[in-house]
Amino acid sequence: MLDSKSIKAILFDVGGTLNYAASGNWFIPPNFFNYIDREKFENIDPLLKKQAFGKGIEYLLTNHLVLTEEEEYQAFALFYNNINEELGLNFSSQTISDLAKDNVFNDDKFIFYDDVPETLHKLSQCYMLGVVSDTWPSLDRVFINAKLRHYFSTFVMSSILGVCKPNELLYTTALTELDIKPNEALFIDDVKGNLDGATKLGIQTILIKRDNKSTNHESYYEGDYLCVDNIADIIKLIQGSRPLFHQVAGLPMHSKE
């Protein structure tokens, strides 16, 4: 059961929680088919494509310590080169470079869910907010340009630490930066395994299922996890009987930039 009275901070996953890939695939950037013949790509055996992208992702996870956007670009250039070799696409070096640049430097690769700006604004009036995401350095720039970054007092990206969720380092880094105890944090993610890692530390958790159409309830349970379909419903869950939009004693109001 959610202990809303103890919550001082709310931590968010990003992909599938706050935003989604514009193309429907995290590794196919917005201009992918400007560089690659769509028909040729779509006619490749789906299993071969799955295997090729799987190997590419394995490379990114194995070499996950990426500290800057330039290092991110280099990592994705190698990623697309691996895809090229696995699928025999005969990419030129310029095409590989263009794909990597589009993936790293094009903010349009992500679309924020409609409820995100207003909900973050409301929650920030009462709680410290944080990001704990399996991602790369360019995410910080995306949030800045979307005018959302200032809501977050901690912004933990896996590539900066070199490990992915559910490694406890991601969660403990956020807790340390916020100077709170585990039970004083609420973590929202769309992957149960990531919630498992947070739960083991004593962090409160909620599973978000953005694509769920089977319920009209504000919240429900899936196994052991309390679930919501959108982040706006989190407000209803944690405010309880007290008004949400006021400063919690001992917590600084967030400066609005």
C-alpha atoms as a PDB file:
ATOM      1  CA  MET A   1       0.000   0.000   0.000  1.00  0.00           C
ATOM      2  CA  LEU A   2       1.197   3.493  -0.841  1.00  0.00           C
ATOM      3  CA  ASP A   3       2.334   5.531   2.164  1.00  0.00           C
ATOM      4  CA  SER A   4       1.643   8.952   0.686  1.00  0.00           C
ATOM      5  CA  LYS A   5       2.379  10.844   3.890  1.00  0.00           C
ATOM      6  CA  SER A   6       6.050   9.867   3.828  1.00  0.00           C
ATOM      7  CA  ILE A   7       6.682  10.864   0.185  1.00  0.00           C
ATOM      8  CA  LYS A   8       9.071  13.786  -0.266  1.00  0.00           C
ATOM      9  CA  ALA A   9      10.219  13.073  -3.832  1.00  0.00           C
ATOM     10  CA  ILE A  10       8.879  11.452  -6.977  1.00  0.00           C
ATOM     11  CA  LEU A  11      11.286   9.733  -9.357  1.00  0.00           C
ATOM     12  CA  PHE A  12      10.354   9.070 -12.961  1.00  0.00           C
ATOM     13  CA  ASP A  13      11.548   6.701 -15.612  1.00  0.00           C
ATOM     14  CA  VAL A  14      11.451   8.479 -19.001  1.00  0.00           C
ATOM     15  CA  GLY A  15      10.812   6.197 -21.994  1.00  0.00           C
ATOM     16  CA  GLY A  16       7.260   4.852 -21.823  1.00  0.00           C
ATOM     17  CA  THR A  17       6.586   7.001 -18.756  1.00  0.00           C
ATOM     18  CA  LEU A  18       7.195  10.632 -19.723  1.00  0.00           C
ATOM     19  CA  ASN A  19       7.814  10.291 -23.458  1.00  0.00           C
ATOM     20  CA  TYR A  20       7.900   7.856 -26.363  1.00  0.00           C
ATOM     21  CA  ALA A  21       9.876   7.346 -29.558  1.00  0.00           C
ATOM     22  CA  ALA A  22       8.446   9.407 -32.414  1.00  0.00           C
ATOM     23  CA  SER A  23       9.138   6.586 -34.872  1.00  0.00           C
ATOM     24  CA  GLY A  24       7.831   3.873 -32.576  1.00  0.00           C
ATOM     25  CA  ASN A  25      11.367   2.493 -32.190  1.00  0.00           C
ATOM     26  CA  TRP A  26      14.033   4.015 -29.929  1.00  0.00           C
ATOM     27  CA  PHE A  27      16.737   3.177 -32.477  1.00  0.00           C
ATOM     28  CA  ILE A  28      15.030   4.466 -35.603  1.00  0.00           C
ATOM     29  CA  PRO A  29      15.446   8.261 -35.524  1.00  0.00           C
ATOM     30  CA  PRO A  30      13.025  10.671 -37.235  1.00  0.00           C
ATOM     31  CA  ASN A  31      14.933  10.932 -40.531  1.00  0.00           C
ATOM     32  CA  PHE A  32      15.862   7.246 -40.778  1.00  0.00           C
ATOM     33  CA  PHE A  33      14.026   6.734 -44.059  1.00  0.00           C
ATOM     34  CA  ASN A  34      15.532   9.848 -45.579  1.00  0.00           C
ATOM     35  CA  TYR A  35      18.799   7.920 -45.630  1.00  0.00           C
ATOM     36  CA  ILE A  36      17.512   4.377 -46.136  1.00  0.00           C
ATOM     37  CA  ASP A  37      15.117   3.004 -48.720  1.00  0.00           C
ATOM     38  CA  ARG A  38      11.974   2.207 -46.717  1.00  0.00           C
ATOM     39  CA  GLU A  39      10.776  -0.599 -48.991  1.00  0.00           C
ATOM     40  CA  LYS A  40      14.158  -2.309 -48.960  1.00  0.00           C
ATOM     41  CA  PHE A  41      14.383  -2.075 -45.179  1.00  0.00           C
ATOM     42  CA  GLU A  42      10.834  -3.279 -44.571  1.00  0.00           C
ATOM     43  CA  ASN A  43      11.339  -6.258 -46.881  1.00  0.00           C
ATOM     44  CA  ILE A  44      14.187  -7.596 -44.757  1.00  0.00           C
ATOM     45  CA  ASP A  45      13.191 -10.652 -42.745  1.00  0.00           C
ATOM     46  CA  PRO A  46      11.835  -9.379 -39.367  1.00  0.00           C
ATOM     47  CA  LEU A  47      13.808 -12.010 -37.457  1.00  0.00           C
ATOM     48  CA  LEU A  48      17.055 -10.876 -39.106  1.00  0.00           C
ATOM     49  CA  LYS A  49      16.293  -7.264 -38.199  1.00  0.00           C
ATOM     50  CA  LYS A  50      15.478  -8.252 -34.629  1.00  0.00           C
ATOM     51  CA  GLN A  51      18.754 -10.150 -34.326  1.00  0.00           C
ATOM     52  CA  ALA A  52      20.760  -7.311 -35.860  1.00  0.00           C
ATOM     53  CA  PHE A  53      19.276  -4.653 -33.609  1.00  0.00           C
ATOM     54  CA  GLY A  54      19.635  -7.004 -30.655  1.00  0.00           C
ATOM     55  CA  LYS A  55      23.371  -7.313 -31.283  1.00  0.00           C
ATOM     56  CA  GLY A  56      23.624  -3.559 -31.671  1.00  0.00           C
ATOM     57  CA  ILE A  57      21.821  -2.962 -28.396  1.00  0.00           C
ATOM     58  CA  GLU A  58      24.030  -5.541 -26.683  1.00  0.00           C
ATOM     59  CA  TYR A  59      27.041  -3.535 -27.848  1.00  0.00           C
ATOM     60  CA  LEU A  60      25.558  -0.326 -26.397  1.00  0.00           C
ATOM     61  CA  LEU A  61      24.854  -2.002 -23.070  1.00  0.00           C
ATOM     62  CA  THR A  62      28.282  -3.626 -22.900  1.00  0.00           C
ATOM     63  CA  ASN A  63      29.959  -0.281 -23.604  1.00  0.00           C
ATOM     64  CA  HIS A  64      27.529   1.822 -21.638  1.00  0.00           C
ATOM     65  CA  LEU A  65      29.785   4.385 -19.944  1.00  0.00           C
ATOM     66  CA  VAL A  66      29.077   7.387 -22.184  1.00  0.00           C
ATOM     67  CA  LEU A  67      29.628  10.803 -20.632  1.00  0.00           C
ATOM     68  CA  THR A  68      29.106  13.346 -23.398  1.00  0.00           C
ATOM     69  CA  GLU A  69      26.977  13.850 -26.491  1.00  0.00           C
ATOM     70  CA  GLU A  70      30.085  13.454 -28.653  1.00  0.00           C
ATOM     71  CA  GLU A  71      30.783  10.076 -27.046  1.00  0.00           C
ATOM     72  CA  GLU A  72      27.111   9.220 -27.572  1.00  0.00           C
ATOM     73  CA  TYR A  73      27.463  10.069 -31.262  1.00  0.00           C
ATOM     74  CA  GLN A  74      30.517   7.815 -31.552  1.00  0.00           C
ATOM     75  CA  ALA A  75      28.651   4.966 -29.814  1.00  0.00           C
ATOM     76  CA  PHE A  76      25.700   5.232 -32.159  1.00  0.00           C
ATOM     77  CA  ALA A  77      27.929   5.477 -35.211  1.00  0.00           C
ATOM     78  CA  LEU A  78      29.310   2.082 -34.219  1.00  0.00           C
ATOM     79  CA  PHE A  79      25.762   0.879 -33.503  1.00  0.00           C
ATOM     80  CA  TYR A  80      24.548   1.740 -37.014  1.00  0.00           C
ATOM     81  CA  ASN A  81      27.698   0.351 -38.560  1.00  0.00           C
ATOM     82  CA  ASN A  82      26.946  -2.946 -36.807  1.00  0.00           C
ATOM     83  CA  ILE A  83      23.379  -2.874 -38.167  1.00  0.00           C
ATOM     84  CA  ASN A  84      24.778  -2.150 -41.615  1.00  0.00           C
ATOM     85  CA  GLU A  85      27.134  -5.119 -41.509  1.00  0.00           C
ATOM     86  CA  GLU A  86      24.586  -7.523 -40.014  1.00  0.00           C
ATOM     87  CA  LEU A  87      21.916  -6.722 -42.607  1.00  0.00           C
ATOM     88  CA  GLY A  88      24.184  -6.060 -45.599  1.00  0.00           C
ATOM     89  CA  LEU A  89      22.675  -2.624 -46.234  1.00  0.00           C
ATOM     90  CA  ASN A  90      25.810  -1.156 -47.821  1.00  0.00           C
ATOM     91  CA  PHE A  91      25.579   2.110 -45.918  1.00  0.00           C
ATOM     92  CA  SER A  92      28.165   4.703 -46.822  1.00  0.00           C
ATOM     93  CA  SER A  93      30.234   6.186 -43.992  1.00  0.00           C
ATOM     94  CA  GLN A  94      28.246   9.400 -44.490  1.00  0.00           C
ATOM     95  CA  THR A  95      24.943   7.565 -44.025  1.00  0.00           C
ATOM     96  CA  ILE A  96      26.190   5.999 -40.792  1.00  0.00           C
ATOM     97  CA  SER A  97      27.290   9.418 -39.573  1.00  0.00           C
ATOM     98  CA  ASP A  98      23.947  10.992 -40.541  1.00  0.00           C
ATOM     99  CA  LEU A  99      21.973   8.291 -38.730  1.00  0.00           C
ATOM    100  CA  ALA A 100      24.049   8.706 -35.568  1.00  0.00           C
ATOM    101  CA  LYS A 101      23.662  12.491 -35.657  1.00  0.00           C
ATOM    102  CA  ASP A 102      19.911  12.192 -36.165  1.00  0.00           C
ATOM    103  CA  ASN A 103      19.616   9.828 -33.209  1.00  0.00           C
ATOM    104  CA  VAL A 104      21.713  11.970 -30.883  1.00  0.00           C
ATOM    105  CA  PHE A 105      21.108  15.580 -31.874  1.00  0.00           C
ATOM    106  CA  ASN A 106      17.506  15.607 -33.137  1.00  0.00           C
ATOM    107  CA  ASP A 107      15.145  16.484 -30.281  1.00  0.00           C
ATOM    108  CA  ASP A 108      12.195  15.388 -32.397  1.00  0.00           C
ATOM    109  CA  LYS A 109      13.142  11.763 -31.723  1.00  0.00           C
ATOM    110  CA  PHE A 110      11.017  11.953 -28.553  1.00  0.00           C
ATOM    111  CA  ILE A 111       7.424  13.039 -28.016  1.00  0.00           C
ATOM    112  CA  PHE A 112       6.258  13.883 -24.504  1.00  0.00           C
ATOM    113  CA  TYR A 113       2.878  12.580 -23.424  1.00  0.00           C
ATOM    114  CA  ASP A 114       0.209  15.273 -23.227  1.00  0.00           C
ATOM    115  CA  ASP A 115      -0.206  15.020 -19.455  1.00  0.00           C
ATOM    116  CA  VAL A 116       3.487  15.525 -18.677  1.00  0.00           C
ATOM    117  CA  PRO A 117       3.989  19.332 -18.601  1.00  0.00           C
ATOM    118  CA  GLU A 118       0.969  20.149 -16.442  1.00  0.00           C
ATOM    119  CA  THR A 119       1.455  17.203 -14.082  1.00  0.00           C
ATOM    120  CA  LEU A 120       5.138  17.966 -13.510  1.00  0.00           C
ATOM    121  CA  HIS A 121       4.274  21.596 -12.844  1.00  0.00           C
ATOM    122  CA  LYS A 122       1.670  20.641 -10.238  1.00  0.00           C
ATOM    123  CA  LEU A 123       3.790  17.986  -8.541  1.00  0.00           C
ATOM    124  CA  SER A 124       6.829  20.267  -8.372  1.00  0.00           C
ATOM    125  CA  GLN A 125       4.873  22.651  -6.162  1.00  0.00           C
ATOM    126  CA  CYS A 126       4.786  20.029  -3.449  1.00  0.00           C
ATOM    127  CA  TYR A 127       7.486  17.432  -4.107  1.00  0.00           C
ATOM    128  CA  MET A 128      11.051  17.222  -5.264  1.00  0.00           C
ATOM    129  CA  LEU A 129      11.182  15.505  -8.648  1.00  0.00           C
ATOM    130  CA  GLY A 130      13.839  13.328 -10.259  1.00  0.00           C
ATOM    131  CA  VAL A 131      14.609  11.254 -13.333  1.00  0.00           C
ATOM    132  CA  VAL A 132      16.101   7.759 -13.162  1.00  0.00           C
ATOM    133  CA  SER A 133      16.445   6.546 -16.731  1.00  0.00           C
ATOM    134  CA  ASP A 134      18.311   4.064 -18.904  1.00  0.00           C
ATOM    135  CA  THR A 135      19.470   6.586 -21.460  1.00  0.00           C
ATOM    136  CA  TRP A 136      22.279   8.688 -22.927  1.00  0.00           C
ATOM    137  CA  PRO A 137      23.571  12.239 -22.324  1.00  0.00           C
ATOM    138  CA  SER A 138      21.428  13.875 -25.024  1.00  0.00           C
ATOM    139  CA  LEU A 139      18.322  13.321 -22.888  1.00  0.00           C
ATOM    140  CA  ASP A 140      19.354  16.219 -20.679  1.00  0.00           C
ATOM    141  CA  ARG A 141      19.370  18.570 -23.693  1.00  0.00           C
ATOM    142  CA  VAL A 142      15.988  17.247 -24.850  1.00  0.00           C
ATOM    143  CA  PHE A 143      14.454  18.120 -21.475  1.00  0.00           C
ATOM    144  CA  ILE A 144      16.073  21.557 -21.454  1.00  0.00           C
ATOM    145  CA  ASN A 145      14.742  22.386 -24.909  1.00  0.00           C
ATOM    146  CA  ALA A 146      11.297  21.065 -23.956  1.00  0.00           C
ATOM    147  CA  LYS A 147      11.385  23.464 -20.973  1.00  0.00           C
ATOM    148  CA  LEU A 148      10.952  20.594 -18.527  1.00  0.00           C
ATOM    149  CA  ARG A 149      14.440  20.130 -17.116  1.00  0.00           C
ATOM    150  CA  HIS A 150      14.076  22.740 -14.366  1.00  0.00           C
ATOM    151  CA  TYR A 151      11.456  20.645 -12.611  1.00  0.00           C
ATOM    152  CA  PHE A 152      14.034  17.982 -11.681  1.00  0.00           C
ATOM    153  CA  SER A 153      16.376  18.202  -8.705  1.00  0.00           C
ATOM    154  CA  THR A 154      18.176  15.013  -9.738  1.00  0.00           C
ATOM    155  CA  PHE A 155      18.619  13.664 -13.259  1.00  0.00           C
ATOM    156  CA  VAL A 156      20.198  10.221 -13.175  1.00  0.00           C
ATOM    157  CA  MET A 157      21.140   8.781 -16.580  1.00  0.00           C
ATOM    158  CA  SER A 158      22.457   5.247 -16.814  1.00  0.00           C
ATOM    159  CA  SER A 159      25.243   6.006 -19.296  1.00  0.00           C
ATOM    160  CA  ILE A 160      26.805   8.523 -16.902  1.00  0.00           C
ATOM    161  CA  LEU A 161      27.110   5.751 -14.311  1.00  0.00           C
ATOM    162  CA  GLY A 162      27.872   2.968 -16.780  1.00  0.00           C
ATOM    163  CA  VAL A 163      25.116   0.657 -15.504  1.00  0.00           C
ATOM    164  CA  CYS A 164      21.397   0.214 -16.198  1.00  0.00           C
ATOM    165  CA  LYS A 165      18.368  -0.385 -14.029  1.00  0.00           C
ATOM    166  CA  PRO A 166      17.746  -2.356 -11.897  1.00  0.00           C
ATOM    167  CA  ASN A 167      21.307  -1.749 -10.663  1.00  0.00           C
ATOM    168  CA  GLU A 168      20.902  -0.123  -7.266  1.00  0.00           C
ATOM    169  CA  LEU A 169      23.484   2.578  -8.089  1.00  0.00           C
ATOM    170  CA  LEU A 170      20.929   4.480 -10.178  1.00  0.00           C
ATOM    171  CA  TYR A 171      18.396   4.634  -7.360  1.00  0.00           C
ATOM    172  CA  THR A 172      20.870   5.332  -4.578  1.00  0.00           C
ATOM    173  CA  THR A 173      22.447   8.132  -6.621  1.00  0.00           C
ATOM    174  CA  ALA A 174      19.056   9.840  -6.854  1.00  0.00           C
ATOM    175  CA  LEU A 175      18.375   9.333  -3.142  1.00  0.00           C
ATOM    176  CA  THR A 176      21.766  10.739  -2.203  1.00  0.00           C
ATOM    177  CA  GLU A 177      21.371  13.807  -4.417  1.00  0.00           C
ATOM    178  CA  LEU A 178      17.932  14.480  -2.925  1.00  0.00           C
ATOM    179  CA  ASP A 179      19.123  13.673   0.619  1.00  0.00           C
ATOM    180  CA  ILE A 180      16.144  11.463   1.398  1.00  0.00           C
ATOM    181  CA  LYS A 181      15.498   7.975   2.725  1.00  0.00           C
ATOM    182  CA  PRO A 182      14.272   5.218   0.366  1.00  0.00           C
ATOM    183  CA  ASN A 183      10.719   5.175   1.773  1.00  0.00           C
ATOM    184  CA  GLU A 184      10.488   8.925   1.175  1.00  0.00           C
ATOM    185  CA  ALA A 185      10.730   8.380  -2.584  1.00  0.00           C
ATOM    186  CA  LEU A 186       8.097   7.204  -5.040  1.00  0.00           C
ATOM    187  CA  PHE A 187       9.392   5.704  -8.303  1.00  0.00           C
ATOM    188  CA  ILE A 188       7.269   5.348 -11.447  1.00  0.00           C
ATOM    189  CA  ASP A 189       8.397   3.051 -14.277  1.00  0.00           C
ATOM    190  CA  ASP A 190       6.779   0.996 -17.034  1.00  0.00           C
ATOM    191  CA  VAL A 191       9.023  -2.052 -16.464  1.00  0.00           C
ATOM    192  CA  LYS A 192       8.376  -4.351 -13.500  1.00  0.00           C
ATOM    193  CA  GLY A 193      12.019  -5.425 -13.301  1.00  0.00           C
ATOM    194  CA  ASN A 194      13.063  -1.829 -12.748  1.00  0.00           C
ATOM    195  CA  LEU A 195      10.471  -1.463 -10.010  1.00  0.00           C
ATOM    196  CA  ASP A 196      11.800  -4.657  -8.401  1.00  0.00           C
ATOM    197  CA  GLY A 197      15.224  -3.020  -8.041  1.00  0.00           C
ATOM    198  CA  ALA A 198      13.730   0.050  -6.383  1.00  0.00           C
ATOM    199  CA  THR A 199      11.444  -1.979  -4.127  1.00  0.00           C
ATOM    200  CA  LYS A 200      14.384  -3.989  -2.779  1.00  0.00           C
ATOM    201  CA  LEU A 201      15.854  -0.723  -1.494  1.00  0.00           C
ATOM    202  CA  GLY A 202      12.624   0.265   0.225  1.00  0.00           C
ATOM    203  CA  ILE A 203      11.518   2.806  -2.388  1.00  0.00           C
ATOM    204  CA  GLN A 204       7.790   3.046  -2.985  1.00  0.00           C
ATOM    205  CA  THR A 205       6.793   2.200  -6.545  1.00  0.00           C
ATOM    206  CA  ILE A 206       4.029   2.501  -9.128  1.00  0.00           C
ATOM    207  CA  LEU A 207       3.807   0.679 -12.449  1.00  0.00           C
ATOM    208  CA  ILE A 208       2.630   2.842 -15.335  1.00  0.00           C
ATOM    209  CA  LYS A 209       0.971   1.208 -18.345  1.00  0.00           C
ATOM    210  CA  ARG A 210       0.359   3.920 -20.891  1.00  0.00           C
ATOM    211  CA  ASP A 211      -1.162   1.566 -23.447  1.00  0.00           C
ATOM    212  CA  ASN A 212      -3.645  -0.027 -21.068  1.00  0.00           C
ATOM    213  CA  LYS A 213      -7.224   0.265 -22.315  1.00  0.00           C
ATOM    214  CA  SER A 214      -8.838  -2.372 -20.125  1.00  0.00           C
ATOM    215  CA  THR A 215      -9.803  -0.195 -17.166  1.00  0.00           C
ATOM    216  CA  ASN A 216     -11.444   3.110 -16.496  1.00  0.00           C
ATOM    217  CA  HIS A 217     -10.210   3.165 -12.914  1.00  0.00           C
ATOM    218  CA  GLU A 218      -7.723   5.742 -11.702  1.00  0.00           C
ATOM    219  CA  SER A 219      -5.574   2.937 -10.290  1.00  0.00           C
ATOM    220  CA  TYR A 220      -5.549  -0.846 -10.069  1.00  0.00           C
ATOM    221  CA  TYR A 221      -3.204  -3.690  -9.185  1.00  0.00           C
ATOM    222  CA  GLU A 222      -1.173  -5.933 -11.445  1.00  0.00           C
ATOM    223  CA  GLY A 223       0.324  -8.587  -9.230  1.00  0.00           C
ATOM    224  CA  ASP A 224       2.030  -6.791  -6.371  1.00  0.00           C
ATOM    225  CA  TYR A 225       2.216  -3.449  -8.144  1.00  0.00           C
ATOM    226  CA  LEU A 226      -0.139  -0.529  -7.957  1.00  0.00           C
ATOM    227  CA  CYS A 227      -0.741   0.630 -11.538  1.00  0.00           C
ATOM    228  CA  VAL A 228      -1.817   3.787 -13.328  1.00  0.00           C
ATOM    229  CA  ASP A 229      -2.443   4.532 -16.998  1.00  0.00           C
ATOM    230  CA  ASN A 230      -0.999   8.060 -16.906  1.00  0.00           C
ATOM    231  CA  ILE A 231       1.001  10.256 -14.558  1.00  0.00           C
ATOM    232  CA  ALA A 232      -1.887  12.657 -13.958  1.00  0.00           C
ATOM    233  CA  ASP A 233      -3.580   9.951 -11.863  1.00  0.00           C
ATOM    234  CA  ILE A 234      -0.577   9.913  -9.527  1.00  0.00           C
ATOM    235  CA  ILE A 235      -1.819  13.195  -8.101  1.00  0.00           C
ATOM    236  CA  LYS A 236      -5.088  11.562  -7.058  1.00  0.00           C
ATOM    237  CA  LEU A 237      -3.258   8.646  -5.456  1.00  0.00           C
ATOM    238  CA  ILE A 238      -0.813  10.575  -3.311  1.00  0.00           C
ATOM    239  CA  GLN A 239      -2.748  13.644  -2.230  1.00  0.00           C
ATOM    240  CA  GLY A 240      -5.036  11.666   0.098  1.00  0.00           C
ATOM    241  CA  SER A 241      -7.180  13.899   2.242  1.00  0.00           C
ATOM    242  CA  ARG A 242      -4.794  16.863   2.225  1.00  0.00           C
ATOM    243  CA  PRO A 243      -4.641  19.545  -0.459  1.00  0.00           C
ATOM    244  CA  LEU A 244      -1.822  18.760  -2.877  1.00  0.00           C
ATOM    245  CA  PHE A 245      -0.857  22.190  -4.074  1.00  0.00           C
ATOM    246  CA  HIS A 246       0.926  23.690  -1.142  1.00  0.00           C
ATOM    247  CA  GLN A 247       4.439  23.513   0.185  1.00  0.00           C
ATOM    248  CA  VAL A 248       5.234  20.497   2.317  1.00  0.00           C
ATOM    249  CA  ALA A 249       6.925  21.535   5.543  1.00  0.00           C
ATOM    250  CA  GLY A 250      10.692  21.332   5.262  1.00  0.00           C
ATOM    251  CA  LEU A 251      10.765  21.095   1.479  1.00  0.00           C
ATOM    252  CA  PRO A 252      11.878  24.003  -0.697  1.00  0.00           C
ATOM    253  CA  MET A 253       9.509  25.269  -3.339  1.00  0.00           C
ATOM    254  CA  HIS A 254      10.938  24.624  -6.807  1.00  0.00           C
ATOM    255  CA  SER A 255      12.151  27.718  -8.602  1.00  0.00           C
ATOM    256  CA  LYS A 256      10.415  28.120 -11.944  1.00  0.00           C
ATOM    257  CA  GLU A 257      12.710  28.961 -14.786  1.00  0.00           C
END
